[in-house]
Amino acid sequence: RAPGYAIGGLAGGESKDQFWRVVDHCCRALPDTKPRYLMGVGYPLDLVVCTALGVDMYDCVYPTRTARFGVALVDGEAPGTLRLKGHDCADDYRVIMEGCECMACSGGYTRARLHAMLKNDNPLAVSLVTHHNLAYMMSLNRKMRAAIKEDAYHDFARRFVQNQYRGKE
């Protein structure tokens, strides 16, 4: 009579393969008629893969914690992050991610500006990167939900994983 099931207890040190195998095993053992909640998982790749395996809900501090270190979540090659404190961003006058509607991107905050703000410990920079990361995750979840509704999740997940690992054979 449980309203749903939580999957947890993984230490975080497992390989992706081991982690995904455990999640797959749990989802196969749990009924499809009840929601499955995967505790403490928030990497975008894990969300996409574990949703394909049958997980329905997640929670994680990853998007906000990584923002505090000046790391933005972006589409593209694994790990799908942009280190705004890195030297490459010092003279990069593009927004974090084109098409993003977060306060940082829509407000025109460039990578160079955020780089300087982060290097000077400006708390606004952390807030802007946090807002960006949360907007990224919300957008990813909307795309995942739309793909499920359109019965096209398999193709969505394949494209997402291919994008993460393009050029790596």
N, C-alpha and C. Protein backbone atom coordinates (compact mmCIF):
# COMPACT_ATOMS: atom_id res chain seq x y z
N ARG A 1 0.81 -1.21 0.00
CA ARG A 1 0.00 0.00 0.00
C ARG A 1 0.85 1.27 0.00
N ALA A 2 2.11 1.14 -0.21
CA ALA A 2 2.99 2.32 -0.26
C ALA A 2 2.60 3.18 -1.46
N PRO A 3 2.60 4.53 -1.27
CA PRO A 3 2.23 5.40 -2.38
C PRO A 3 3.30 5.46 -3.47
N GLY A 4 4.50 5.03 -3.16
CA GLY A 4 5.61 5.04 -4.11
C GLY A 4 6.82 4.41 -3.47
N TYR A 5 7.92 4.40 -4.21
CA TYR A 5 9.13 3.75 -3.72
C TYR A 5 10.34 4.65 -3.90
N ALA A 6 11.23 4.63 -2.91
CA ALA A 6 12.48 5.38 -2.98
C ALA A 6 13.61 4.39 -3.25
N ILE A 7 14.50 4.79 -4.13
CA ILE A 7 15.70 4.02 -4.43
C ILE A 7 16.87 4.84 -3.92
N GLY A 8 17.68 4.26 -3.05
CA GLY A 8 18.81 5.00 -2.50
C GLY A 8 19.82 4.06 -1.91
N GLY A 9 20.80 4.63 -1.24
CA GLY A 9 21.81 3.82 -0.58
C GLY A 9 23.07 3.63 -1.38
N LEU A 10 23.12 4.17 -2.58
CA LEU A 10 24.35 4.09 -3.35
C LEU A 10 25.34 5.10 -2.79
N ALA A 11 26.61 4.75 -2.78
CA ALA A 11 27.62 5.59 -2.12
C ALA A 11 28.11 6.73 -3.00
N GLY A 12 27.91 6.64 -4.30
CA GLY A 12 28.38 7.70 -5.19
C GLY A 12 29.74 7.40 -5.79
N GLY A 13 30.41 6.37 -5.33
CA GLY A 13 31.72 6.03 -5.86
C GLY A 13 31.68 4.95 -6.93
N GLU A 14 30.48 4.47 -7.23
CA GLU A 14 30.34 3.41 -8.22
C GLU A 14 30.60 3.96 -9.62
N SER A 15 30.97 3.07 -10.52
CA SER A 15 31.07 3.47 -11.93
C SER A 15 29.66 3.73 -12.44
N LYS A 16 29.56 4.47 -13.53
CA LYS A 16 28.24 4.72 -14.14
C LYS A 16 27.58 3.39 -14.47
N ASP A 17 28.34 2.47 -15.02
CA ASP A 17 27.78 1.17 -15.40
C ASP A 17 27.19 0.45 -14.19
N GLN A 18 27.94 0.40 -13.09
CA GLN A 18 27.43 -0.26 -11.88
C GLN A 18 26.20 0.46 -11.34
N PHE A 19 26.27 1.77 -11.29
CA PHE A 19 25.16 2.58 -10.79
C PHE A 19 23.90 2.33 -11.62
N TRP A 20 24.01 2.42 -12.95
CA TRP A 20 22.85 2.24 -13.81
C TRP A 20 22.31 0.82 -13.71
N ARG A 21 23.18 -0.17 -13.52
CA ARG A 21 22.72 -1.56 -13.38
C ARG A 21 21.87 -1.73 -12.11
N VAL A 22 22.29 -1.09 -11.02
CA VAL A 22 21.53 -1.17 -9.77
C VAL A 22 20.17 -0.50 -9.94
N VAL A 23 20.17 0.69 -10.56
CA VAL A 23 18.90 1.40 -10.79
C VAL A 23 17.99 0.56 -11.68
N ASP A 24 18.54 -0.02 -12.73
CA ASP A 24 17.75 -0.87 -13.62
C ASP A 24 17.16 -2.06 -12.86
N HIS A 25 17.97 -2.69 -12.05
CA HIS A 25 17.51 -3.84 -11.26
C HIS A 25 16.35 -3.43 -10.34
N CYS A 26 16.52 -2.29 -9.65
CA CYS A 26 15.46 -1.82 -8.74
C CYS A 26 14.18 -1.50 -9.51
N CYS A 27 14.30 -0.80 -10.62
CA CYS A 27 13.10 -0.43 -11.38
C CYS A 27 12.37 -1.65 -11.93
N ARG A 28 13.11 -2.66 -12.32
CA ARG A 28 12.48 -3.88 -12.82
C ARG A 28 11.75 -4.62 -11.70
N ALA A 29 12.26 -4.49 -10.46
CA ALA A 29 11.65 -5.19 -9.33
C ALA A 29 10.45 -4.44 -8.74
N LEU A 30 10.34 -3.16 -9.01
CA LEU A 30 9.26 -2.35 -8.44
C LEU A 30 8.09 -2.25 -9.42
N PRO A 31 6.87 -2.11 -8.89
CA PRO A 31 5.70 -2.05 -9.77
C PRO A 31 5.68 -0.77 -10.62
N ASP A 32 5.23 -0.91 -11.86
CA ASP A 32 5.11 0.23 -12.77
C ASP A 32 4.00 1.19 -12.37
N THR A 33 3.10 0.74 -11.52
CA THR A 33 1.94 1.55 -11.16
C THR A 33 2.20 2.53 -10.03
N LYS A 34 3.41 2.50 -9.45
CA LYS A 34 3.76 3.40 -8.35
C LYS A 34 4.98 4.23 -8.75
N PRO A 35 5.05 5.50 -8.31
CA PRO A 35 6.21 6.32 -8.64
C PRO A 35 7.49 5.80 -8.00
N ARG A 36 8.57 5.97 -8.72
CA ARG A 36 9.90 5.58 -8.25
C ARG A 36 10.75 6.82 -8.10
N TYR A 37 11.27 7.01 -6.91
CA TYR A 37 12.03 8.21 -6.55
C TYR A 37 13.49 7.80 -6.31
N LEU A 38 14.41 8.41 -7.06
CA LEU A 38 15.83 8.11 -6.92
C LEU A 38 16.49 9.22 -6.11
N MET A 39 16.97 8.86 -4.95
CA MET A 39 17.45 9.84 -3.98
C MET A 39 18.86 10.33 -4.33
N GLY A 40 19.03 11.66 -4.28
CA GLY A 40 20.35 12.26 -4.37
C GLY A 40 21.02 12.18 -5.72
N VAL A 41 20.27 12.06 -6.79
CA VAL A 41 20.85 11.95 -8.13
C VAL A 41 20.46 13.19 -8.92
N GLY A 42 21.46 13.90 -9.47
CA GLY A 42 21.15 15.14 -10.16
C GLY A 42 22.00 15.47 -11.36
N TYR A 43 22.97 14.62 -11.72
CA TYR A 43 23.72 14.89 -12.94
C TYR A 43 22.77 14.74 -14.12
N PRO A 44 22.78 15.68 -15.06
CA PRO A 44 21.85 15.59 -16.19
C PRO A 44 21.90 14.24 -16.92
N LEU A 45 23.08 13.71 -17.15
CA LEU A 45 23.19 12.42 -17.83
C LEU A 45 22.48 11.33 -17.04
N ASP A 46 22.64 11.33 -15.72
CA ASP A 46 21.99 10.32 -14.88
C ASP A 46 20.47 10.48 -14.91
N LEU A 47 19.98 11.71 -14.94
CA LEU A 47 18.54 11.92 -15.01
C LEU A 47 17.97 11.33 -16.30
N VAL A 48 18.65 11.59 -17.40
CA VAL A 48 18.17 11.10 -18.69
C VAL A 48 18.21 9.58 -18.74
N VAL A 49 19.32 8.98 -18.32
CA VAL A 49 19.45 7.52 -18.37
C VAL A 49 18.50 6.85 -17.38
N CYS A 50 18.45 7.35 -16.15
CA CYS A 50 17.61 6.71 -15.14
C CYS A 50 16.12 6.87 -15.43
N THR A 51 15.74 7.94 -16.09
CA THR A 51 14.36 8.07 -16.53
C THR A 51 14.05 7.00 -17.57
N ALA A 52 14.99 6.74 -18.45
CA ALA A 52 14.81 5.67 -19.44
C ALA A 52 14.69 4.31 -18.76
N LEU A 53 15.33 4.16 -17.61
CA LEU A 53 15.27 2.90 -16.87
C LEU A 53 13.99 2.75 -16.06
N GLY A 54 13.26 3.87 -15.86
CA GLY A 54 11.98 3.78 -15.16
C GLY A 54 11.83 4.65 -13.93
N VAL A 55 12.79 5.52 -13.64
CA VAL A 55 12.69 6.41 -12.48
C VAL A 55 11.80 7.59 -12.84
N ASP A 56 11.00 8.04 -11.86
CA ASP A 56 10.04 9.12 -12.08
C ASP A 56 10.43 10.45 -11.43
N MET A 57 11.15 10.39 -10.29
CA MET A 57 11.43 11.60 -9.52
C MET A 57 12.86 11.58 -8.99
N TYR A 58 13.40 12.78 -8.76
CA TYR A 58 14.77 12.94 -8.30
C TYR A 58 14.87 14.11 -7.33
N ASP A 59 15.96 14.14 -6.59
CA ASP A 59 16.34 15.35 -5.85
C ASP A 59 17.85 15.36 -5.75
N CYS A 60 18.42 16.54 -5.75
CA CYS A 60 19.88 16.62 -5.62
C CYS A 60 20.29 18.08 -5.45
N VAL A 61 21.42 18.26 -4.76
CA VAL A 61 21.98 19.59 -4.57
C VAL A 61 22.93 19.97 -5.70
N TYR A 62 23.18 19.05 -6.63
CA TYR A 62 24.21 19.27 -7.66
C TYR A 62 24.07 20.61 -8.40
N PRO A 63 22.91 20.99 -8.92
CA PRO A 63 22.85 22.25 -9.67
C PRO A 63 23.22 23.47 -8.84
N THR A 64 22.85 23.49 -7.57
CA THR A 64 23.16 24.66 -6.74
C THR A 64 24.57 24.58 -6.17
N ARG A 65 24.99 23.38 -5.78
CA ARG A 65 26.34 23.24 -5.23
C ARG A 65 27.39 23.57 -6.29
N THR A 66 27.21 23.06 -7.48
CA THR A 66 28.21 23.30 -8.53
C THR A 66 28.25 24.79 -8.90
N ALA A 67 27.11 25.47 -8.79
CA ALA A 67 27.08 26.91 -9.07
C ALA A 67 27.95 27.68 -8.09
N ARG A 68 27.98 27.23 -6.84
CA ARG A 68 28.79 27.93 -5.84
C ARG A 68 30.28 27.88 -6.17
N PHE A 69 30.67 26.92 -7.00
CA PHE A 69 32.06 26.82 -7.43
C PHE A 69 32.29 27.46 -8.79
N GLY A 70 31.28 28.17 -9.30
CA GLY A 70 31.42 28.87 -10.57
C GLY A 70 31.30 27.96 -11.78
N VAL A 71 30.54 26.89 -11.65
CA VAL A 71 30.38 25.93 -12.74
C VAL A 71 28.93 25.98 -13.23
N ALA A 72 28.77 26.21 -14.52
CA ALA A 72 27.44 26.29 -15.14
C ALA A 72 27.15 25.02 -15.91
N LEU A 73 25.90 24.58 -15.87
CA LEU A 73 25.45 23.43 -16.64
C LEU A 73 25.11 23.89 -18.06
N VAL A 74 25.60 23.17 -19.04
CA VAL A 74 25.39 23.53 -20.44
C VAL A 74 25.17 22.27 -21.27
N ASP A 75 24.54 22.45 -22.42
CA ASP A 75 24.42 21.36 -23.37
C ASP A 75 25.79 21.09 -23.96
N GLY A 76 26.03 19.87 -24.34
CA GLY A 76 27.28 19.55 -25.01
C GLY A 76 28.01 18.40 -24.40
N GLU A 77 29.28 18.31 -24.75
CA GLU A 77 30.09 17.17 -24.37
C GLU A 77 30.18 17.01 -22.86
N ALA A 78 30.25 15.73 -22.44
CA ALA A 78 30.38 15.40 -21.02
C ALA A 78 31.60 16.10 -20.46
N PRO A 79 31.48 16.66 -19.28
CA PRO A 79 30.38 16.45 -18.35
C PRO A 79 29.24 17.45 -18.49
N GLY A 80 29.20 18.25 -19.55
CA GLY A 80 28.10 19.19 -19.72
C GLY A 80 28.19 20.37 -18.78
N THR A 81 29.43 20.80 -18.53
CA THR A 81 29.64 21.92 -17.62
C THR A 81 30.58 22.95 -18.24
N LEU A 82 30.47 24.17 -17.73
CA LEU A 82 31.33 25.27 -18.14
C LEU A 82 31.92 25.87 -16.88
N ARG A 83 33.25 25.81 -16.76
CA ARG A 83 33.95 26.34 -15.59
C ARG A 83 34.19 27.83 -15.80
N LEU A 84 33.29 28.64 -15.26
CA LEU A 84 33.34 30.08 -15.48
C LEU A 84 34.56 30.75 -14.84
N LYS A 85 35.14 30.12 -13.85
CA LYS A 85 36.35 30.68 -13.24
C LYS A 85 37.60 30.38 -14.06
N GLY A 86 37.45 29.51 -15.06
CA GLY A 86 38.59 29.12 -15.88
C GLY A 86 39.07 30.25 -16.78
N HIS A 87 40.34 30.19 -17.11
CA HIS A 87 40.99 31.22 -17.94
C HIS A 87 40.28 31.42 -19.28
N ASP A 88 39.74 30.34 -19.84
CA ASP A 88 39.07 30.43 -21.15
C ASP A 88 37.89 31.39 -21.13
N CYS A 89 37.27 31.59 -19.98
CA CYS A 89 36.09 32.45 -19.90
C CYS A 89 36.43 33.92 -19.68
N ALA A 90 37.68 34.22 -19.37
CA ALA A 90 38.07 35.60 -19.05
C ALA A 90 37.80 36.57 -20.18
N ASP A 91 37.93 36.12 -21.42
CA ASP A 91 37.72 36.99 -22.58
C ASP A 91 36.61 36.46 -23.50
N ASP A 92 35.68 35.74 -22.94
CA ASP A 92 34.59 35.16 -23.72
C ASP A 92 33.34 35.99 -23.48
N TYR A 93 32.91 36.69 -24.53
CA TYR A 93 31.81 37.64 -24.37
C TYR A 93 30.45 37.07 -24.82
N ARG A 94 30.35 35.77 -24.79
CA ARG A 94 29.06 35.12 -25.03
C ARG A 94 28.37 34.89 -23.69
N VAL A 95 27.04 34.75 -23.72
CA VAL A 95 26.34 34.37 -22.49
C VAL A 95 26.65 32.90 -22.21
N ILE A 96 26.25 32.42 -21.04
CA ILE A 96 26.55 31.05 -20.66
C ILE A 96 26.06 30.08 -21.73
N MET A 97 24.80 30.22 -22.14
CA MET A 97 24.23 29.30 -23.12
C MET A 97 23.19 30.02 -23.95
N GLU A 98 23.41 30.09 -25.25
CA GLU A 98 22.46 30.74 -26.15
C GLU A 98 21.09 30.08 -26.03
N GLY A 99 20.05 30.89 -26.03
CA GLY A 99 18.69 30.38 -25.97
C GLY A 99 18.17 30.16 -24.56
N CYS A 100 19.05 30.23 -23.57
CA CYS A 100 18.63 30.05 -22.18
C CYS A 100 17.89 31.31 -21.73
N GLU A 101 16.82 31.10 -20.98
CA GLU A 101 16.00 32.23 -20.54
C GLU A 101 16.23 32.61 -19.08
N CYS A 102 17.32 32.12 -18.48
CA CYS A 102 17.60 32.46 -17.08
C CYS A 102 17.98 33.94 -16.96
N MET A 103 18.06 34.40 -15.72
CA MET A 103 18.39 35.81 -15.47
C MET A 103 19.77 36.17 -15.99
N ALA A 104 20.72 35.24 -15.90
CA ALA A 104 22.09 35.53 -16.34
C ALA A 104 22.14 35.66 -17.86
N CYS A 105 21.61 34.68 -18.56
CA CYS A 105 21.68 34.66 -20.03
C CYS A 105 20.78 35.73 -20.65
N SER A 106 19.54 35.80 -20.20
CA SER A 106 18.62 36.79 -20.76
C SER A 106 19.01 38.20 -20.34
N GLY A 107 19.72 38.31 -19.23
CA GLY A 107 20.18 39.62 -18.76
C GLY A 107 21.48 40.07 -19.41
N GLY A 108 22.05 39.24 -20.27
CA GLY A 108 23.25 39.62 -21.01
C GLY A 108 24.55 39.50 -20.23
N TYR A 109 24.53 38.78 -19.11
CA TYR A 109 25.78 38.59 -18.37
C TYR A 109 26.67 37.65 -19.17
N THR A 110 27.81 38.15 -19.59
CA THR A 110 28.71 37.34 -20.40
C THR A 110 29.55 36.43 -19.51
N ARG A 111 30.15 35.45 -20.15
CA ARG A 111 31.06 34.55 -19.43
C ARG A 111 32.21 35.36 -18.83
N ALA A 112 32.69 36.34 -19.58
CA ALA A 112 33.80 37.18 -19.08
C ALA A 112 33.37 37.97 -17.85
N ARG A 113 32.19 38.52 -17.89
CA ARG A 113 31.71 39.30 -16.75
C ARG A 113 31.51 38.40 -15.52
N LEU A 114 30.90 37.25 -15.73
CA LEU A 114 30.72 36.31 -14.62
C LEU A 114 32.06 35.82 -14.10
N HIS A 115 33.00 35.57 -15.01
CA HIS A 115 34.35 35.17 -14.60
C HIS A 115 34.95 36.20 -13.64
N ALA A 116 34.89 37.46 -14.03
CA ALA A 116 35.45 38.53 -13.20
C ALA A 116 34.71 38.63 -11.87
N MET A 117 33.41 38.54 -11.91
CA MET A 117 32.62 38.63 -10.68
C MET A 117 32.94 37.47 -9.74
N LEU A 118 33.07 36.26 -10.29
CA LEU A 118 33.40 35.10 -9.46
C LEU A 118 34.80 35.22 -8.88
N LYS A 119 35.74 35.69 -9.69
CA LYS A 119 37.12 35.83 -9.21
C LYS A 119 37.21 36.87 -8.09
N ASN A 120 36.28 37.83 -8.08
CA ASN A 120 36.25 38.86 -7.05
C ASN A 120 35.26 38.54 -5.94
N ASP A 121 34.80 37.30 -5.88
CA ASP A 121 33.88 36.83 -4.84
C ASP A 121 32.60 37.66 -4.73
N ASN A 122 32.10 38.11 -5.87
CA ASN A 122 30.85 38.85 -5.89
C ASN A 122 29.69 37.85 -5.73
N PRO A 123 28.92 37.96 -4.66
CA PRO A 123 27.84 36.98 -4.42
C PRO A 123 26.76 36.98 -5.50
N LEU A 124 26.60 38.08 -6.22
CA LEU A 124 25.62 38.11 -7.29
C LEU A 124 25.95 37.07 -8.37
N ALA A 125 27.23 36.86 -8.62
CA ALA A 125 27.65 35.89 -9.64
C ALA A 125 27.16 34.50 -9.27
N VAL A 126 27.32 34.11 -8.02
CA VAL A 126 26.87 32.78 -7.59
C VAL A 126 25.36 32.67 -7.73
N SER A 127 24.63 33.73 -7.40
CA SER A 127 23.18 33.72 -7.55
C SER A 127 22.78 33.56 -9.01
N LEU A 128 23.48 34.27 -9.89
CA LEU A 128 23.17 34.18 -11.32
C LEU A 128 23.47 32.79 -11.88
N VAL A 129 24.58 32.20 -11.50
CA VAL A 129 24.93 30.86 -11.99
C VAL A 129 23.96 29.83 -11.40
N THR A 130 23.56 30.02 -10.14
CA THR A 130 22.57 29.13 -9.53
C THR A 130 21.26 29.20 -10.31
N HIS A 131 20.82 30.41 -10.61
CA HIS A 131 19.58 30.57 -11.37
C HIS A 131 19.71 29.90 -12.74
N HIS A 132 20.85 30.09 -13.38
CA HIS A 132 21.08 29.44 -14.68
C HIS A 132 20.98 27.92 -14.55
N ASN A 133 21.67 27.34 -13.57
CA ASN A 133 21.68 25.89 -13.42
C ASN A 133 20.28 25.33 -13.15
N LEU A 134 19.51 26.04 -12.33
CA LEU A 134 18.14 25.59 -12.07
C LEU A 134 17.28 25.71 -13.32
N ALA A 135 17.47 26.78 -14.07
CA ALA A 135 16.73 26.95 -15.33
C ALA A 135 17.11 25.85 -16.31
N TYR A 136 18.41 25.50 -16.36
CA TYR A 136 18.86 24.42 -17.23
C TYR A 136 18.17 23.10 -16.86
N MET A 137 18.14 22.79 -15.57
CA MET A 137 17.53 21.53 -15.12
C MET A 137 16.03 21.52 -15.38
N MET A 138 15.37 22.64 -15.19
CA MET A 138 13.93 22.72 -15.47
C MET A 138 13.67 22.52 -16.97
N SER A 139 14.50 23.12 -17.80
CA SER A 139 14.37 22.96 -19.24
C SER A 139 14.59 21.50 -19.64
N LEU A 140 15.62 20.88 -19.07
CA LEU A 140 15.88 19.47 -19.35
C LEU A 140 14.68 18.61 -18.96
N ASN A 141 14.11 18.87 -17.81
CA ASN A 141 12.95 18.09 -17.36
C ASN A 141 11.73 18.32 -18.26
N ARG A 142 11.55 19.55 -18.72
CA ARG A 142 10.44 19.81 -19.66
C ARG A 142 10.64 19.03 -20.97
N LYS A 143 11.89 18.99 -21.45
CA LYS A 143 12.19 18.24 -22.68
C LYS A 143 11.97 16.75 -22.47
N MET A 144 12.38 16.25 -21.32
CA MET A 144 12.19 14.83 -21.02
C MET A 144 10.70 14.51 -20.96
N ARG A 145 9.93 15.34 -20.27
CA ARG A 145 8.49 15.11 -20.15
C ARG A 145 7.81 15.14 -21.52
N ALA A 146 8.19 16.12 -22.35
CA ALA A 146 7.60 16.21 -23.69
C ALA A 146 7.92 14.97 -24.51
N ALA A 147 9.16 14.49 -24.43
CA ALA A 147 9.55 13.28 -25.17
C ALA A 147 8.75 12.07 -24.70
N ILE A 148 8.52 11.98 -23.40
CA ILE A 148 7.70 10.87 -22.87
C ILE A 148 6.28 10.96 -23.40
N LYS A 149 5.70 12.15 -23.34
CA LYS A 149 4.32 12.34 -23.81
C LYS A 149 4.19 12.04 -25.30
N GLU A 150 5.23 12.33 -26.07
CA GLU A 150 5.21 12.10 -27.52
C GLU A 150 5.65 10.68 -27.87
N ASP A 151 5.89 9.87 -26.85
CA ASP A 151 6.38 8.50 -27.04
C ASP A 151 7.67 8.49 -27.86
N ALA A 152 8.54 9.45 -27.57
CA ALA A 152 9.80 9.59 -28.30
C ALA A 152 11.00 9.65 -27.35
N TYR A 153 10.82 9.10 -26.14
CA TYR A 153 11.89 9.23 -25.15
C TYR A 153 13.15 8.49 -25.56
N HIS A 154 13.00 7.34 -26.18
CA HIS A 154 14.17 6.57 -26.60
C HIS A 154 15.06 7.42 -27.51
N ASP A 155 14.45 8.09 -28.49
CA ASP A 155 15.22 8.93 -29.41
C ASP A 155 15.82 10.14 -28.69
N PHE A 156 15.05 10.75 -27.80
CA PHE A 156 15.56 11.88 -27.02
C PHE A 156 16.79 11.47 -26.22
N ALA A 157 16.68 10.35 -25.50
CA ALA A 157 17.78 9.89 -24.65
C ALA A 157 19.01 9.56 -25.50
N ARG A 158 18.81 8.91 -26.64
CA ARG A 158 19.93 8.57 -27.52
C ARG A 158 20.64 9.84 -28.00
N ARG A 159 19.89 10.84 -28.42
CA ARG A 159 20.49 12.10 -28.88
C ARG A 159 21.23 12.79 -27.74
N PHE A 160 20.65 12.79 -26.55
CA PHE A 160 21.30 13.44 -25.41
C PHE A 160 22.63 12.77 -25.11
N VAL A 161 22.63 11.45 -25.06
CA VAL A 161 23.87 10.71 -24.75
C VAL A 161 24.88 10.89 -25.88
N GLN A 162 24.45 10.85 -27.13
CA GLN A 162 25.36 11.07 -28.25
C GLN A 162 25.98 12.46 -28.18
N ASN A 163 25.21 13.44 -27.81
CA ASN A 163 25.71 14.81 -27.67
C ASN A 163 26.75 14.90 -26.56
N GLN A 164 26.53 14.18 -25.47
CA GLN A 164 27.47 14.17 -24.35
C GLN A 164 28.80 13.53 -24.75
N TYR A 165 28.74 12.54 -25.62
CA TYR A 165 29.93 11.76 -25.96
C TYR A 165 30.35 11.87 -27.42
N ARG A 166 29.94 12.93 -28.09
CA ARG A 166 30.31 13.07 -29.50
C ARG A 166 31.83 13.13 -29.63
N GLY A 167 32.31 12.44 -30.65
CA GLY A 167 33.74 12.42 -30.91
C GLY A 167 34.51 11.43 -30.06
N LYS A 168 33.82 10.72 -29.16
CA LYS A 168 34.48 9.75 -28.30
C LYS A 168 33.98 8.37 -28.67
N GLU A 169 34.85 7.55 -29.19
CA GLU A 169 34.46 6.20 -29.56
C GLU A 169 34.96 5.21 -28.57
